[in-house]
Amino acid sequence: MQLREELEKREIITLDPHASYAARTRGRLMNEEECDIRTCYMRDRDRIVHCKSFRRLKDKTQVFLAPQGDHYRTRMMHTLEVSQTSRTVARCLMLNEDLVEAIALGHDRGHTPFGHAGERALNEACPSGFRHSEQSLRIVDKLEKDGRGLNLTWEVRDGIRNHGTSCHPATLEGQIVRLCDKISYIHHDMDDAIRAGILNENDVPGDLRDLLGHSTRERLNTFVHDIVNTSSGMGKVEMSPAIGEAMKDLRKFMFENLYTNAAAKGEEIKAELMVRELYGYYISNQDKMPIDYYRMIEEKGEAPERVVCDYISGMTDQYSMMKFREIFIPKSWSKL
């Protein structure tokens, strides 16, 4: 018997009856031969980690644009923290850690340079709109591996598509990632804001501190314990009403005091302008994109607006600034 089959049997024996078993996956977009040592979800996780869009996350903004310091989170660090928190919850609930990890590692790769500022700019510029969750799925389905995609399982793709606040993942593992995404960014965004001197612990409303904890570490611990205690054996993943409402209130506090704070976000207007200008340039000069993108329009019949979004959203912060300077900033005369 192959090792993969042993692992699949072990899942059925040890995991919660509501878990997603690899042996019962709804399959891939295209059939392919199974690996002899890895389950389908293990294989998806490996494909996600080893692709180019994952590596680019290390140079994409989380909250602070081009921060001066080595310890502020990037989109890569956010992704890894979501993965770690999600795996902790999955293990405690006896759900499928491999599926959770694959969803978590893939959920944010559709983010633009400059985080949500870049996303807003592309959403306004592109007639069909732009959402990073949909772009994340487009990347793994169509853009990676020279247009062949990663051919991920249905369960991983569903979790990536539905990780947003208003979405409803079909699996419990997807529900874990959706919640842990929220609690992770609330935790580490506040940690970064305190490090930057934009917020301090005493700014957090006293009733929230009394209920959730008096430090970022304590609040993360409260959230994780509440999810585990509330969801164990229930067939759904959620927080208790009191902690869930408190998390919403803390998230509202973060929007009012950090996500719209001039010191933290003052450069976003410039970032949005730059992304819109890049979009307009490449719509008018499609042949200036790399040949693989241009061929998507000329040979595969993809809409130019969507392909331009593909190209720009895939840029890192630094690469997009370099392209902007190259296109729009006059070059100095060289010495004769």
Protein backbone atom coordinates (compact mmCIF):
# COMPACT_ATOMS: atom_id res chain seq x y z
CA MET A 1 0.00 0.00 0.00
CA GLN A 2 1.26 3.48 -0.87
CA LEU A 3 2.15 5.89 1.93
CA ARG A 4 -0.46 8.36 0.66
CA GLU A 5 -3.20 5.79 1.17
CA GLU A 6 -1.97 5.15 4.71
CA LEU A 7 -2.11 8.90 5.42
CA GLU A 8 -5.63 9.11 4.00
CA LYS A 9 -6.78 6.24 6.23
CA ARG A 10 -5.16 7.86 9.24
CA GLU A 11 -7.14 11.06 8.58
CA ILE A 12 -10.44 9.16 8.56
CA ILE A 13 -9.56 7.44 11.84
CA THR A 14 -8.17 10.43 13.74
CA LEU A 15 -9.91 13.57 12.44
CA ASP A 16 -13.29 14.95 13.45
CA PRO A 17 -16.23 13.53 11.43
CA HIS A 18 -16.85 17.04 10.06
CA ALA A 19 -13.29 17.38 8.74
CA SER A 20 -12.36 17.44 5.06
CA TYR A 21 -10.71 14.12 4.28
CA ALA A 22 -8.18 14.07 1.45
CA ALA A 23 -9.57 10.75 0.24
CA ARG A 24 -12.97 12.41 -0.29
CA THR A 25 -11.86 15.55 -2.13
CA ARG A 26 -14.16 16.89 -4.81
CA GLY A 27 -11.16 16.78 -7.12
CA ARG A 28 -9.17 19.09 -9.34
CA LEU A 29 -10.02 21.12 -12.43
CA MET A 30 -8.06 18.56 -14.45
CA ASN A 31 -7.55 14.94 -13.48
CA GLU A 32 -4.00 13.88 -12.76
CA GLU A 33 -2.16 10.95 -11.26
CA GLU A 34 -1.97 10.99 -7.47
CA CYS A 35 1.33 11.32 -5.61
CA ASP A 36 2.48 8.12 -3.92
CA ILE A 37 3.61 9.78 -0.64
CA ARG A 38 1.53 12.97 -0.28
CA THR A 39 -2.19 13.53 0.06
CA CYS A 40 -3.84 15.95 -2.36
CA TYR A 41 -3.87 18.76 0.22
CA MET A 42 -0.19 18.24 1.07
CA ARG A 43 0.55 18.45 -2.63
CA ASP A 44 -1.45 21.67 -3.00
CA ARG A 45 0.44 23.25 -0.10
CA ASP A 46 3.77 22.38 -1.73
CA ARG A 47 2.69 23.77 -5.09
CA ILE A 48 1.62 27.04 -3.49
CA VAL A 49 4.88 27.48 -1.56
CA HIS A 50 7.09 26.77 -4.56
CA CYS A 51 5.48 29.19 -7.04
CA LYS A 52 6.59 32.70 -7.98
CA SER A 53 3.59 34.59 -6.65
CA PHE A 54 4.30 33.28 -3.16
CA ARG A 55 7.87 34.56 -3.23
CA ARG A 56 6.73 38.04 -4.29
CA LEU A 57 4.72 38.43 -1.09
CA LYS A 58 7.88 39.27 0.85
CA ASP A 59 8.08 42.61 -0.98
CA LYS A 60 4.43 43.64 -0.79
CA THR A 61 2.90 46.04 1.73
CA GLN A 62 0.82 44.80 4.64
CA VAL A 63 -0.12 48.09 6.37
CA PHE A 64 2.87 50.44 6.28
CA LEU A 65 4.14 51.57 2.88
CA ALA A 66 7.94 51.21 2.64
CA PRO A 67 8.47 51.22 6.43
CA GLN A 68 11.89 52.07 7.84
CA GLY A 69 12.63 49.05 10.01
CA ASP A 70 13.23 45.33 9.77
CA HIS A 71 10.38 44.15 11.98
CA TYR A 72 7.25 45.49 10.28
CA ARG A 73 5.09 42.87 8.63
CA THR A 74 4.99 42.34 4.91
CA ARG A 75 2.26 40.44 3.09
CA MET A 76 4.47 37.35 3.37
CA MET A 77 4.67 37.61 7.15
CA HIS A 78 0.92 38.12 7.37
CA THR A 79 0.41 34.98 5.30
CA LEU A 80 2.74 32.92 7.49
CA GLU A 81 1.07 34.17 10.68
CA VAL A 82 -2.38 33.31 9.33
CA SER A 83 -1.07 29.86 8.45
CA GLN A 84 0.38 29.27 11.90
CA THR A 85 -2.70 30.48 13.78
CA SER A 86 -4.99 28.47 11.50
CA ARG A 87 -2.98 25.30 12.00
CA THR A 88 -3.18 25.71 15.78
CA VAL A 89 -6.96 25.98 15.63
CA ALA A 90 -7.26 23.10 13.15
CA ARG A 91 -5.17 20.81 15.32
CA CYS A 92 -7.19 21.61 18.44
CA LEU A 93 -10.45 20.97 16.56
CA MET A 94 -9.11 17.78 14.93
CA LEU A 95 -9.61 19.19 11.44
CA ASN A 96 -7.36 18.86 8.40
CA GLU A 97 -4.16 20.85 8.99
CA ASP A 98 -2.84 20.26 5.48
CA LEU A 99 -5.96 21.76 3.91
CA VAL A 100 -5.90 24.70 6.33
CA GLU A 101 -2.25 25.38 5.57
CA ALA A 102 -2.76 25.27 1.80
CA ILE A 103 -5.69 27.72 1.98
CA ALA A 104 -3.84 30.07 4.33
CA LEU A 105 -0.67 30.12 2.24
CA GLY A 106 -2.66 30.82 -0.92
CA HIS A 107 -5.30 33.23 0.30
CA ASP A 108 -3.57 36.61 -0.26
CA ARG A 109 -1.41 36.15 -3.32
CA GLY A 110 -3.77 38.27 -5.41
CA HIS A 111 -2.90 41.40 -3.43
CA THR A 112 -1.56 44.34 -5.39
CA PRO A 113 1.53 46.39 -4.59
CA PHE A 114 0.78 48.80 -1.70
CA GLY A 115 -1.90 46.58 -0.20
CA HIS A 116 -5.48 47.79 -0.17
CA ALA A 117 -4.47 51.15 -1.65
CA GLY A 118 -3.38 49.40 -4.84
CA GLU A 119 -6.50 47.25 -4.77
CA ARG A 120 -8.73 50.33 -4.56
CA ALA A 121 -6.91 51.93 -7.47
CA LEU A 122 -7.27 48.89 -9.75
CA ASN A 123 -10.90 48.40 -8.71
CA GLU A 124 -11.66 51.99 -9.73
CA ALA A 125 -9.63 51.89 -12.93
CA CYS A 126 -10.73 48.51 -14.32
CA PRO A 127 -14.28 48.51 -15.79
CA SER A 128 -14.92 44.98 -14.48
CA GLY A 129 -13.48 45.80 -11.06
CA PHE A 130 -10.75 44.11 -9.06
CA ARG A 131 -10.88 42.04 -5.85
CA HIS A 132 -7.77 40.42 -4.43
CA SER A 133 -9.59 37.22 -3.43
CA GLU A 134 -10.75 36.66 -7.01
CA GLN A 135 -7.28 37.52 -8.27
CA SER A 136 -5.75 35.00 -5.87
CA LEU A 137 -7.88 32.30 -7.47
CA ARG A 138 -7.06 33.51 -10.98
CA ILE A 139 -3.35 33.28 -10.17
CA VAL A 140 -3.50 29.66 -9.01
CA ASP A 141 -5.93 28.67 -11.77
CA LYS A 142 -4.53 30.46 -14.81
CA LEU A 143 -1.40 32.53 -14.31
CA GLU A 144 1.11 30.32 -12.54
CA LYS A 145 3.34 27.84 -14.39
CA ASP A 146 3.27 29.79 -17.67
CA GLY A 147 -0.50 29.83 -17.89
CA ARG A 148 -1.10 26.22 -16.89
CA GLY A 149 -2.06 27.04 -13.32
CA LEU A 150 -1.47 24.92 -10.23
CA ASN A 151 -4.53 22.69 -10.69
CA LEU A 152 -5.46 22.80 -7.01
CA THR A 153 -8.24 20.84 -5.35
CA TRP A 154 -11.77 22.20 -5.12
CA GLU A 155 -11.52 22.61 -1.34
CA VAL A 156 -8.37 24.75 -1.47
CA ARG A 157 -9.78 26.88 -4.27
CA ASP A 158 -13.04 27.40 -2.35
CA GLY A 159 -11.12 28.51 0.74
CA ILE A 160 -9.01 30.97 -1.23
CA ARG A 161 -12.02 32.47 -3.00
CA ASN A 162 -14.10 32.77 0.17
CA HIS A 163 -11.68 34.09 2.78
CA GLY A 164 -13.27 37.56 2.86
CA THR A 165 -15.35 38.90 5.73
CA SER A 166 -18.70 38.54 3.96
CA CYS A 167 -17.94 35.14 2.42
CA HIS A 168 -18.95 31.62 3.47
CA PRO A 169 -16.35 28.89 2.87
CA ALA A 170 -17.81 25.44 2.26
CA THR A 171 -15.35 23.58 4.51
CA LEU A 172 -14.62 23.98 8.20
CA GLU A 173 -10.98 24.40 7.27
CA GLY A 174 -11.86 27.34 5.04
CA GLN A 175 -13.90 28.81 7.88
CA ILE A 176 -10.84 28.59 10.15
CA VAL A 177 -8.69 30.54 7.69
CA ARG A 178 -11.39 33.17 7.20
CA LEU A 179 -11.52 33.85 10.95
CA CYS A 180 -7.78 33.55 11.56
CA ASP A 181 -7.08 36.00 8.74
CA LYS A 182 -9.08 38.62 10.65
CA ILE A 183 -7.62 37.96 14.08
CA SER A 184 -4.09 37.76 12.65
CA TYR A 185 -4.17 41.14 10.96
CA ILE A 186 -5.85 42.77 13.95
CA HIS A 187 -3.09 41.32 16.14
CA HIS A 188 -0.05 42.12 14.04
CA ASP A 189 -1.28 45.42 12.60
CA MET A 190 -1.74 46.74 16.13
CA ASP A 191 1.65 45.34 17.11
CA ASP A 192 3.24 47.20 14.18
CA ALA A 193 1.31 50.38 15.03
CA ILE A 194 2.53 50.29 18.62
CA ARG A 195 6.10 49.71 17.40
CA ALA A 196 5.76 52.71 15.08
CA GLY A 197 4.46 54.94 17.87
CA ILE A 198 1.13 55.53 16.13
CA LEU A 199 -0.84 53.75 18.84
CA ASN A 200 -0.13 52.68 22.38
CA GLU A 201 -1.80 50.08 24.52
CA ASN A 202 -3.78 52.65 26.50
CA ASP A 203 -5.49 53.83 23.31
CA VAL A 204 -7.47 50.59 23.14
CA PRO A 205 -10.89 51.09 24.78
CA GLY A 206 -10.87 49.86 28.37
CA ASP A 207 -13.88 47.56 28.00
CA LEU A 208 -12.21 45.75 25.10
CA ARG A 209 -8.97 45.40 27.02
CA ASP A 210 -10.79 44.01 30.05
CA LEU A 211 -12.60 41.42 27.93
CA LEU A 212 -9.94 40.51 25.37
CA GLY A 213 -6.63 41.19 27.11
CA HIS A 214 -4.21 43.98 27.93
CA SER A 215 -1.64 43.25 25.20
CA THR A 216 -1.61 42.03 21.60
CA ARG A 217 -0.36 38.65 22.81
CA GLU A 218 -3.19 38.28 25.33
CA ARG A 219 -5.82 39.25 22.76
CA LEU A 220 -4.54 36.75 20.20
CA ASN A 221 -4.62 34.08 22.90
CA THR A 222 -8.21 35.03 23.79
CA PHE A 223 -9.38 34.84 20.17
CA VAL A 224 -7.78 31.45 19.50
CA HIS A 225 -9.08 29.90 22.73
CA ASP A 226 -12.57 31.26 22.06
CA ILE A 227 -12.71 29.77 18.55
CA VAL A 228 -11.57 26.38 19.84
CA ASN A 229 -13.91 26.32 22.83
CA THR A 230 -16.91 27.56 20.84
CA SER A 231 -16.44 25.37 17.78
CA SER A 232 -15.36 22.02 19.21
CA GLY A 233 -17.64 19.29 17.85
CA MET A 234 -20.18 21.79 16.52
CA GLY A 235 -19.81 21.28 12.78
CA LYS A 236 -19.03 24.96 12.21
CA VAL A 237 -16.23 27.33 13.13
CA GLU A 238 -17.13 30.55 14.89
CA MET A 239 -16.54 32.74 17.92
CA SER A 240 -18.83 33.13 20.90
CA PRO A 241 -21.25 36.08 20.53
CA ALA A 242 -19.46 38.20 23.14
CA ILE A 243 -15.95 37.72 21.76
CA GLY A 244 -17.16 37.99 18.17
CA GLU A 245 -18.76 41.37 18.86
CA ALA A 246 -15.67 42.52 20.73
CA MET A 247 -13.52 41.58 17.75
CA LYS A 248 -15.78 43.66 15.49
CA ASP A 249 -15.43 46.59 17.88
CA LEU A 250 -11.65 46.21 17.96
CA ARG A 251 -11.58 46.04 14.17
CA LYS A 252 -13.67 49.25 14.05
CA PHE A 253 -11.20 50.88 16.43
CA MET A 254 -8.35 49.87 14.12
CA PHE A 255 -10.06 51.38 11.08
CA GLU A 256 -10.71 54.64 12.90
CA ASN A 257 -7.26 54.95 14.47
CA LEU A 258 -4.83 53.12 12.19
CA TYR A 259 -6.15 52.22 8.77
CA THR A 260 -7.18 55.82 8.14
CA ASN A 261 -4.40 57.41 10.21
CA ALA A 262 -2.50 60.05 8.23
CA ALA A 263 0.86 59.04 9.69
CA ALA A 264 0.42 55.41 8.69
CA LYS A 265 -1.52 55.88 5.47
CA GLY A 266 -0.58 59.37 4.26
CA GLU A 267 1.40 58.05 1.31
CA GLU A 268 -1.49 55.95 0.01
CA ILE A 269 -2.84 58.74 -2.21
CA LYS A 270 0.48 58.71 -4.05
CA ALA A 271 0.42 54.92 -4.31
CA GLU A 272 -3.12 54.92 -5.71
CA LEU A 273 -2.20 57.59 -8.26
CA MET A 274 0.83 55.60 -9.36
CA VAL A 275 -1.16 52.38 -9.80
CA ARG A 276 -3.86 54.19 -11.81
CA GLU A 277 -1.23 55.77 -14.05
CA LEU A 278 0.41 52.40 -14.65
CA TYR A 279 -2.97 50.91 -15.51
CA GLY A 280 -3.71 53.67 -18.03
CA TYR A 281 -0.28 53.35 -19.61
CA TYR A 282 -0.46 49.60 -20.13
CA ILE A 283 -4.03 49.74 -21.44
CA SER A 284 -2.75 52.10 -24.13
CA ASN A 285 0.55 50.25 -24.63
CA GLN A 286 -0.28 46.58 -24.23
CA ASP A 287 2.82 45.51 -26.15
CA LYS A 288 4.99 47.06 -23.43
CA MET A 289 4.01 44.33 -21.00
CA PRO A 290 6.15 41.17 -20.85
CA ILE A 291 5.52 38.90 -23.81
CA ASP A 292 3.65 36.26 -21.79
CA TYR A 293 1.01 38.82 -20.81
CA TYR A 294 0.77 40.26 -24.31
CA ARG A 295 0.21 36.77 -25.72
CA MET A 296 -2.70 36.27 -23.35
CA ILE A 297 -4.44 39.11 -25.19
CA GLU A 298 -3.30 38.37 -28.74
CA GLU A 299 -3.38 34.56 -28.74
CA LYS A 300 -5.75 33.54 -25.94
CA GLY A 301 -8.34 36.29 -26.35
CA GLU A 302 -8.17 37.51 -22.76
CA ALA A 303 -9.64 40.97 -22.10
CA PRO A 304 -6.86 43.60 -22.06
CA GLU A 305 -8.28 45.15 -18.89
CA ARG A 306 -7.97 41.86 -17.01
CA VAL A 307 -4.48 41.12 -18.27
CA VAL A 308 -3.25 44.59 -17.32
CA CYS A 309 -4.62 43.96 -13.84
CA ASP A 310 -2.80 40.62 -13.81
CA TYR A 311 0.49 42.32 -14.61
CA ILE A 312 0.17 45.26 -12.22
CA SER A 313 -1.26 43.29 -9.30
CA GLY A 314 1.64 40.86 -9.58
CA MET A 315 4.20 43.62 -9.10
CA THR A 316 5.99 44.12 -5.81
CA ASP A 317 6.05 47.60 -4.27
CA GLN A 318 9.60 48.27 -5.43
CA TYR A 319 9.08 46.90 -8.95
CA SER A 320 5.99 49.04 -9.49
CA MET A 321 7.89 52.16 -8.39
CA MET A 322 10.75 51.25 -10.73
CA LYS A 323 8.34 50.85 -13.67
CA PHE A 324 6.66 54.16 -12.81
CA ARG A 325 10.01 55.96 -12.78
CA GLU A 326 11.02 54.27 -16.03
CA ILE A 327 7.80 55.29 -17.81
CA PHE A 328 6.92 58.68 -16.36
CA ILE A 329 10.00 60.29 -14.79
CA PRO A 330 12.37 62.08 -17.23
CA LYS A 331 15.84 60.59 -17.27
CA SER A 332 18.82 62.82 -16.62
CA TRP A 333 21.04 63.64 -19.58
CA SER A 334 24.18 61.57 -19.63
CA LYS A 335 27.51 63.36 -19.78
CA LEU A 336 28.82 63.90 -23.29
